[in-house]
Amino acid sequence: MSAELLTVPQVADRLGLTEYQVRQEHARGVLPGRRPGRFLRFTDTDLETYVARIAVDRGAGQASGPTRLSHTRRRRSL
């Protein structure tokens, strides 16, 4: 019995990410998956591994994703 392979749009919907973010997380090696042929596919186990990894990262105090820093304007001294 083989596990159902999920597409990028299905994974994005389940994880609440965009399709671009799913591909990006896979390219970074954070989201496991496979490429049987041309298209990227994932299993439920891949998603469970990803969610567990993210939970550990957040628990360790690491940023969960890109953070935006506020900019302060510097005045030039004359």
PDB file of N, CA and C in Angstrom:
ATOM      1  N   MET A   1       0.848  -1.185   0.000  1.00  0.00           N
ATOM      2  CA  MET A   1       0.000   0.000   0.000  1.00  0.00           C
ATOM      3  C   MET A   1       0.889   1.242   0.000  1.00  0.00           C
ATOM      4  N   SER A   2       0.762   2.100  -0.986  1.00  0.00           N
ATOM      5  CA  SER A   2       1.620   3.273  -1.087  1.00  0.00           C
ATOM      6  C   SER A   2       0.923   4.502  -0.510  1.00  0.00           C
ATOM      7  N   ALA A   3       1.740   5.410  -0.004  1.00  0.00           N
ATOM      8  CA  ALA A   3       1.215   6.648   0.567  1.00  0.00           C
ATOM      9  C   ALA A   3       0.799   7.589  -0.560  1.00  0.00           C
ATOM     10  N   GLU A   4      -0.223   8.374  -0.289  1.00  0.00           N
ATOM     11  CA  GLU A   4      -0.689   9.345  -1.276  1.00  0.00           C
ATOM     12  C   GLU A   4       0.356  10.448  -1.413  1.00  0.00           C
ATOM     13  N   LEU A   5       0.689  10.786  -2.638  1.00  0.00           N
ATOM     14  CA  LEU A   5       1.631  11.869  -2.888  1.00  0.00           C
ATOM     15  C   LEU A   5       0.852  13.163  -3.086  1.00  0.00           C
ATOM     16  N   LEU A   6       1.270  14.188  -2.367  1.00  0.00           N
ATOM     17  CA  LEU A   6       0.594  15.486  -2.410  1.00  0.00           C
ATOM     18  C   LEU A   6       1.345  16.439  -3.330  1.00  0.00           C
ATOM     19  N   THR A   7       0.602  17.294  -3.998  1.00  0.00           N
ATOM     20  CA  THR A   7       1.189  18.289  -4.889  1.00  0.00           C
ATOM     21  C   THR A   7       1.557  19.543  -4.101  1.00  0.00           C
ATOM     22  N   VAL A   8       2.303  20.433  -4.732  1.00  0.00           N
ATOM     23  CA  VAL A   8       2.689  21.698  -4.093  1.00  0.00           C
ATOM     24  C   VAL A   8       1.457  22.506  -3.680  1.00  0.00           C
ATOM     25  N   PRO A   9       0.428  22.670  -4.536  1.00  0.00           N
ATOM     26  CA  PRO A   9      -0.759  23.417  -4.100  1.00  0.00           C
ATOM     27  C   PRO A   9      -1.469  22.772  -2.903  1.00  0.00           C
ATOM     28  N   GLN A  10      -1.517  21.447  -2.861  1.00  0.00           N
ATOM     29  CA  GLN A  10      -2.151  20.763  -1.734  1.00  0.00           C
ATOM     30  C   GLN A  10      -1.373  21.003  -0.440  1.00  0.00           C
ATOM     31  N   VAL A  11      -0.056  20.932  -0.521  1.00  0.00           N
ATOM     32  CA  VAL A  11       0.787  21.165   0.658  1.00  0.00           C
ATOM     33  C   VAL A  11       0.655  22.612   1.117  1.00  0.00           C
ATOM     34  N   ALA A  12       0.649  23.543   0.175  1.00  0.00           N
ATOM     35  CA  ALA A  12       0.499  24.957   0.527  1.00  0.00           C
ATOM     36  C   ALA A  12      -0.810  25.186   1.268  1.00  0.00           C
ATOM     37  N   ASP A  13      -1.874  24.562   0.802  1.00  0.00           N
ATOM     38  CA  ASP A  13      -3.182  24.702   1.440  1.00  0.00           C
ATOM     39  C   ASP A  13      -3.173  24.113   2.850  1.00  0.00           C
ATOM     40  N   ARG A  14      -2.583  22.955   3.005  1.00  0.00           N
ATOM     41  CA  ARG A  14      -2.552  22.287   4.317  1.00  0.00           C
ATOM     42  C   ARG A  14      -1.694  23.032   5.330  1.00  0.00           C
ATOM     43  N   LEU A  15      -0.590  23.619   4.875  1.00  0.00           N
ATOM     44  CA  LEU A  15       0.329  24.286   5.795  1.00  0.00           C
ATOM     45  C   LEU A  15       0.054  25.780   5.938  1.00  0.00           C
ATOM     46  N   GLY A  16      -0.831  26.312   5.107  1.00  0.00           N
ATOM     47  CA  GLY A  16      -1.115  27.740   5.171  1.00  0.00           C
ATOM     48  C   GLY A  16       0.016  28.584   4.607  1.00  0.00           C
ATOM     49  N   LEU A  17       0.708  28.042   3.617  1.00  0.00           N
ATOM     50  CA  LEU A  17       1.808  28.739   2.962  1.00  0.00           C
ATOM     51  C   LEU A  17       1.434  29.009   1.508  1.00  0.00           C
ATOM     52  N   THR A  18       2.236  29.815   0.848  1.00  0.00           N
ATOM     53  CA  THR A  18       2.063  29.990  -0.592  1.00  0.00           C
ATOM     54  C   THR A  18       2.822  28.869  -1.300  1.00  0.00           C
ATOM     55  N   GLU A  19       2.524  28.659  -2.556  1.00  0.00           N
ATOM     56  CA  GLU A  19       3.238  27.643  -3.329  1.00  0.00           C
ATOM     57  C   GLU A  19       4.723  27.986  -3.412  1.00  0.00           C
ATOM     58  N   TYR A  20       5.025  29.264  -3.542  1.00  0.00           N
ATOM     59  CA  TYR A  20       6.421  29.706  -3.585  1.00  0.00           C
ATOM     60  C   TYR A  20       7.140  29.340  -2.285  1.00  0.00           C
ATOM     61  N   GLN A  21       6.476  29.568  -1.141  1.00  0.00           N
ATOM     62  CA  GLN A  21       7.085  29.250   0.149  1.00  0.00           C
ATOM     63  C   GLN A  21       7.323  27.752   0.304  1.00  0.00           C
ATOM     64  N   VAL A  22       6.406  26.933  -0.195  1.00  0.00           N
ATOM     65  CA  VAL A  22       6.587  25.478  -0.136  1.00  0.00           C
ATOM     66  C   VAL A  22       7.838  25.090  -0.919  1.00  0.00           C
ATOM     67  N   ARG A  23       7.976  25.608  -2.124  1.00  0.00           N
ATOM     68  CA  ARG A  23       9.154  25.289  -2.945  1.00  0.00           C
ATOM     69  C   ARG A  23      10.434  25.800  -2.288  1.00  0.00           C
ATOM     70  N   GLN A  24      10.351  26.988  -1.697  1.00  0.00           N
ATOM     71  CA  GLN A  24      11.507  27.589  -1.035  1.00  0.00           C
ATOM     72  C   GLN A  24      11.937  26.758   0.183  1.00  0.00           C
ATOM     73  N   GLU A  25      10.989  26.331   0.996  1.00  0.00           N
ATOM     74  CA  GLU A  25      11.301  25.513   2.169  1.00  0.00           C
ATOM     75  C   GLU A  25      11.912  24.171   1.741  1.00  0.00           C
ATOM     76  N   HIS A  26      11.426  23.618   0.648  1.00  0.00           N
ATOM     77  CA  HIS A  26      11.993  22.367   0.134  1.00  0.00           C
ATOM     78  C   HIS A  26      13.423  22.595  -0.358  1.00  0.00           C
ATOM     79  N   ALA A  27      13.653  23.675  -1.076  1.00  0.00           N
ATOM     80  CA  ALA A  27      14.984  23.980  -1.596  1.00  0.00           C
ATOM     81  C   ALA A  27      15.985  24.209  -0.460  1.00  0.00           C
ATOM     82  N   ARG A  28      15.519  24.783   0.652  1.00  0.00           N
ATOM     83  CA  ARG A  28      16.380  25.015   1.819  1.00  0.00           C
ATOM     84  C   ARG A  28      16.655  23.728   2.589  1.00  0.00           C
ATOM     85  N   GLY A  29      15.922  22.665   2.281  1.00  0.00           N
ATOM     86  CA  GLY A  29      16.105  21.397   2.968  1.00  0.00           C
ATOM     87  C   GLY A  29      15.303  21.269   4.246  1.00  0.00           C
ATOM     88  N   VAL A  30      14.398  22.207   4.490  1.00  0.00           N
ATOM     89  CA  VAL A  30      13.585  22.186   5.707  1.00  0.00           C
ATOM     90  C   VAL A  30      12.352  21.309   5.523  1.00  0.00           C
ATOM     91  N   LEU A  31      11.793  21.317   4.339  1.00  0.00           N
ATOM     92  CA  LEU A  31      10.595  20.532   4.035  1.00  0.00           C
ATOM     93  C   LEU A  31      10.991  19.353   3.148  1.00  0.00           C
ATOM     94  N   PRO A  32      10.969  18.131   3.706  1.00  0.00           N
ATOM     95  CA  PRO A  32      11.343  16.977   2.890  1.00  0.00           C
ATOM     96  C   PRO A  32      10.311  16.705   1.797  1.00  0.00           C
ATOM     97  N   GLY A  33      10.772  16.153   0.719  1.00  0.00           N
ATOM     98  CA  GLY A  33       9.893  15.815  -0.396  1.00  0.00           C
ATOM     99  C   GLY A  33      10.684  15.038  -1.434  1.00  0.00           C
ATOM    100  N   ARG A  34      10.054  14.750  -2.524  1.00  0.00           N
ATOM    101  CA  ARG A  34      10.720  14.003  -3.587  1.00  0.00           C
ATOM    102  C   ARG A  34      10.250  14.524  -4.937  1.00  0.00           C
ATOM    103  N   ARG A  35      11.021  14.195  -5.937  1.00  0.00           N
ATOM    104  CA  ARG A  35      10.709  14.631  -7.292  1.00  0.00           C
ATOM    105  C   ARG A  35      10.688  13.402  -8.203  1.00  0.00           C
ATOM    106  N   PRO A  36       9.555  12.659  -8.199  1.00  0.00           N
ATOM    107  CA  PRO A  36       9.471  11.492  -9.091  1.00  0.00           C
ATOM    108  C   PRO A  36       9.200  11.970 -10.515  1.00  0.00           C
ATOM    109  N   GLY A  37      10.251  12.164 -11.242  1.00  0.00           N
ATOM    110  CA  GLY A  37      10.081  12.744 -12.566  1.00  0.00           C
ATOM    111  C   GLY A  37      10.275  14.245 -12.491  1.00  0.00           C
ATOM    112  N   ARG A  38       9.362  14.974 -13.069  1.00  0.00           N
ATOM    113  CA  ARG A  38       9.518  16.417 -13.183  1.00  0.00           C
ATOM    114  C   ARG A  38       8.932  17.206 -12.016  1.00  0.00           C
ATOM    115  N   PHE A  39       7.915  16.676 -11.354  1.00  0.00           N
ATOM    116  CA  PHE A  39       7.165  17.455 -10.370  1.00  0.00           C
ATOM    117  C   PHE A  39       7.509  17.089  -8.936  1.00  0.00           C
ATOM    118  N   LEU A  40       7.439  18.070  -8.060  1.00  0.00           N
ATOM    119  CA  LEU A  40       7.716  17.906  -6.642  1.00  0.00           C
ATOM    120  C   LEU A  40       6.503  17.313  -5.948  1.00  0.00           C
ATOM    121  N   ARG A  41       6.721  16.296  -5.109  1.00  0.00           N
ATOM    122  CA  ARG A  41       5.632  15.631  -4.391  1.00  0.00           C
ATOM    123  C   ARG A  41       6.022  15.427  -2.931  1.00  0.00           C
ATOM    124  N   PHE A  42       5.002  15.366  -2.065  1.00  0.00           N
ATOM    125  CA  PHE A  42       5.197  15.222  -0.625  1.00  0.00           C
ATOM    126  C   PHE A  42       4.240  14.172  -0.078  1.00  0.00           C
ATOM    127  N   THR A  43       4.608  13.572   1.062  1.00  0.00           N
ATOM    128  CA  THR A  43       3.721  12.642   1.762  1.00  0.00           C
ATOM    129  C   THR A  43       3.265  13.297   3.066  1.00  0.00           C
ATOM    130  N   ASP A  44       2.276  12.690   3.713  1.00  0.00           N
ATOM    131  CA  ASP A  44       1.829  13.186   5.013  1.00  0.00           C
ATOM    132  C   ASP A  44       2.973  13.144   6.025  1.00  0.00           C
ATOM    133  N   THR A  45       3.814  12.135   5.929  1.00  0.00           N
ATOM    134  CA  THR A  45       4.970  12.026   6.824  1.00  0.00           C
ATOM    135  C   THR A  45       5.921  13.200   6.628  1.00  0.00           C
ATOM    136  N   ASP A  46       6.106  13.635   5.373  1.00  0.00           N
ATOM    137  CA  ASP A  46       6.943  14.806   5.095  1.00  0.00           C
ATOM    138  C   ASP A  46       6.390  16.041   5.803  1.00  0.00           C
ATOM    139  N   LEU A  47       5.073  16.209   5.756  1.00  0.00           N
ATOM    140  CA  LEU A  47       4.448  17.369   6.391  1.00  0.00           C
ATOM    141  C   LEU A  47       4.577  17.295   7.904  1.00  0.00           C
ATOM    142  N   GLU A  48       4.402  16.102   8.474  1.00  0.00           N
ATOM    143  CA  GLU A  48       4.544  15.930   9.920  1.00  0.00           C
ATOM    144  C   GLU A  48       5.971  16.245  10.362  1.00  0.00           C
ATOM    145  N   THR A  49       6.952  15.817   9.584  1.00  0.00           N
ATOM    146  CA  THR A  49       8.354  16.104   9.881  1.00  0.00           C
ATOM    147  C   THR A  49       8.606  17.602   9.846  1.00  0.00           C
ATOM    148  N   TYR A  50       8.065  18.276   8.846  1.00  0.00           N
ATOM    149  CA  TYR A  50       8.234  19.723   8.716  1.00  0.00           C
ATOM    150  C   TYR A  50       7.618  20.453   9.900  1.00  0.00           C
ATOM    151  N   VAL A  51       6.391  20.107  10.266  1.00  0.00           N
ATOM    152  CA  VAL A  51       5.700  20.772  11.376  1.00  0.00           C
ATOM    153  C   VAL A  51       6.468  20.554  12.681  1.00  0.00           C
ATOM    154  N   ALA A  52       6.966  19.345  12.902  1.00  0.00           N
ATOM    155  CA  ALA A  52       7.743  19.059  14.112  1.00  0.00           C
ATOM    156  C   ALA A  52       9.039  19.866  14.129  1.00  0.00           C
ATOM    157  N   ARG A  53       9.688  19.976  12.984  1.00  0.00           N
ATOM    158  CA  ARG A  53      10.940  20.729  12.891  1.00  0.00           C
ATOM    159  C   ARG A  53      10.698  22.207  13.171  1.00  0.00           C
ATOM    160  N   ILE A  54       9.623  22.759  12.646  1.00  0.00           N
ATOM    161  CA  ILE A  54       9.298  24.164  12.875  1.00  0.00           C
ATOM    162  C   ILE A  54       8.994  24.396  14.352  1.00  0.00           C
ATOM    163  N   ALA A  55       8.276  23.477  14.981  1.00  0.00           N
ATOM    164  CA  ALA A  55       7.943  23.608  16.405  1.00  0.00           C
ATOM    165  C   ALA A  55       9.208  23.610  17.253  1.00  0.00           C
ATOM    166  N   VAL A  56      10.175  22.770  16.915  1.00  0.00           N
ATOM    167  CA  VAL A  56      11.440  22.725  17.653  1.00  0.00           C
ATOM    168  C   VAL A  56      12.199  24.026  17.457  1.00  0.00           C
ATOM    169  N   ASP A  57      12.248  24.531  16.220  1.00  0.00           N
ATOM    170  CA  ASP A  57      12.945  25.788  15.942  1.00  0.00           C
ATOM    171  C   ASP A  57      12.332  26.941  16.720  1.00  0.00           C
ATOM    172  N   ARG A  58      11.030  27.012  16.771  1.00  0.00           N
ATOM    173  CA  ARG A  58      10.363  28.085  17.507  1.00  0.00           C
ATOM    174  C   ARG A  58      10.610  27.955  19.002  1.00  0.00           C
ATOM    175  N   GLY A  59      10.650  26.730  19.491  1.00  0.00           N
ATOM    176  CA  GLY A  59      10.906  26.493  20.904  1.00  0.00           C
ATOM    177  C   GLY A  59      12.323  26.876  21.303  1.00  0.00           C
ATOM    178  N   ALA A  60      13.241  26.808  20.362  1.00  0.00           N
ATOM    179  CA  ALA A  60      14.632  27.152  20.631  1.00  0.00           C
ATOM    180  C   ALA A  60      14.876  28.644  20.501  1.00  0.00           C
ATOM    181  N   GLY A  61      13.840  29.397  20.169  1.00  0.00           N
ATOM    182  CA  GLY A  61      13.966  30.841  20.071  1.00  0.00           C
ATOM    183  C   GLY A  61      14.466  31.333  18.730  1.00  0.00           C
ATOM    184  N   GLN A  62      14.521  30.469  17.759  1.00  0.00           N
ATOM    185  CA  GLN A  62      14.959  30.884  16.441  1.00  0.00           C
ATOM    186  C   GLN A  62      13.792  31.507  15.691  1.00  0.00           C
ATOM    187  N   ALA A  63      14.117  32.383  14.769  1.00  0.00           N
ATOM    188  CA  ALA A  63      13.074  33.015  13.967  1.00  0.00           C
ATOM    189  C   ALA A  63      12.396  31.966  13.101  1.00  0.00           C
ATOM    190  N   SER A  64      11.080  32.078  12.959  1.00  0.00           N
ATOM    191  CA  SER A  64      10.338  31.109  12.166  1.00  0.00           C
ATOM    192  C   SER A  64      10.391  31.412  10.679  1.00  0.00           C
ATOM    193  N   GLY A  65      10.858  32.572  10.336  1.00  0.00           N
ATOM    194  CA  GLY A  65      10.928  32.949   8.935  1.00  0.00           C
ATOM    195  C   GLY A  65      11.624  34.285   8.815  1.00  0.00           C
ATOM    196  N   PRO A  66      11.550  34.889   7.670  1.00  0.00           N
ATOM    197  CA  PRO A  66      12.185  36.181   7.500  1.00  0.00           C
ATOM    198  C   PRO A  66      11.575  37.211   8.442  1.00  0.00           C
ATOM    199  N   THR A  67      12.422  38.016   9.021  1.00  0.00           N
ATOM    200  CA  THR A  67      11.931  39.077   9.896  1.00  0.00           C
ATOM    201  C   THR A  67      12.220  40.418   9.252  1.00  0.00           C
ATOM    202  N   ARG A  68      11.373  41.344   9.505  1.00  0.00           N
ATOM    203  CA  ARG A  68      11.537  42.666   8.932  1.00  0.00           C
ATOM    204  C   ARG A  68      12.007  43.610  10.023  1.00  0.00           C
ATOM    205  N   LEU A  69      13.101  44.264   9.772  1.00  0.00           N
ATOM    206  CA  LEU A  69      13.641  45.203  10.738  1.00  0.00           C
ATOM    207  C   LEU A  69      13.172  46.602  10.382  1.00  0.00           C
ATOM    208  N   SER A  70      12.840  47.364  11.403  1.00  0.00           N
ATOM    209  CA  SER A  70      12.404  48.735  11.132  1.00  0.00           C
ATOM    210  C   SER A  70      13.630  49.598  10.848  1.00  0.00           C
ATOM    211  N   HIS A  71      13.445  50.540   9.998  1.00  0.00           N
ATOM    212  CA  HIS A  71      14.533  51.436   9.624  1.00  0.00           C
ATOM    213  C   HIS A  71      14.395  52.744  10.386  1.00  0.00           C
ATOM    214  N   THR A  72      15.511  53.262  10.817  1.00  0.00           N
ATOM    215  CA  THR A  72      15.505  54.585  11.440  1.00  0.00           C
ATOM    216  C   THR A  72      16.274  55.518  10.530  1.00  0.00           C
ATOM    217  N   ARG A  73      15.774  56.683  10.399  1.00  0.00           N
ATOM    218  CA  ARG A  73      16.408  57.659   9.525  1.00  0.00           C
ATOM    219  C   ARG A  73      17.505  58.377  10.295  1.00  0.00           C
ATOM    220  N   ARG A  74      18.661  58.432   9.718  1.00  0.00           N
ATOM    221  CA  ARG A  74      19.776  59.127  10.346  1.00  0.00           C
ATOM    222  C   ARG A  74      19.878  60.520   9.761  1.00  0.00           C
ATOM    223  N   ARG A  75      20.103  61.453  10.649  1.00  0.00           N
ATOM    224  CA  ARG A  75      20.343  62.819  10.175  1.00  0.00           C
ATOM    225  C   ARG A  75      21.836  63.026  10.008  1.00  0.00           C
ATOM    226  N   ARG A  76      22.129  63.726   9.011  1.00  0.00           N
ATOM    227  CA  ARG A  76      23.521  64.000   8.731  1.00  0.00           C
ATOM    228  C   ARG A  76      23.987  65.179   9.553  1.00  0.00           C
ATOM    229  N   SER A  77      25.098  65.026  10.253  1.00  0.00           N
ATOM    230  CA  SER A  77      25.654  66.137  11.034  1.00  0.00           C
ATOM    231  C   SER A  77      26.444  67.044  10.108  1.00  0.00           C
ATOM    232  N   LEU A  78      26.241  68.308  10.287  1.00  0.00           N
ATOM    233  CA  LEU A  78      27.000  69.260   9.468  1.00  0.00           C
ATOM    234  C   LEU A  78      28.058  69.923  10.275  1.00  0.00           C
TER     235      LEU A  78
END
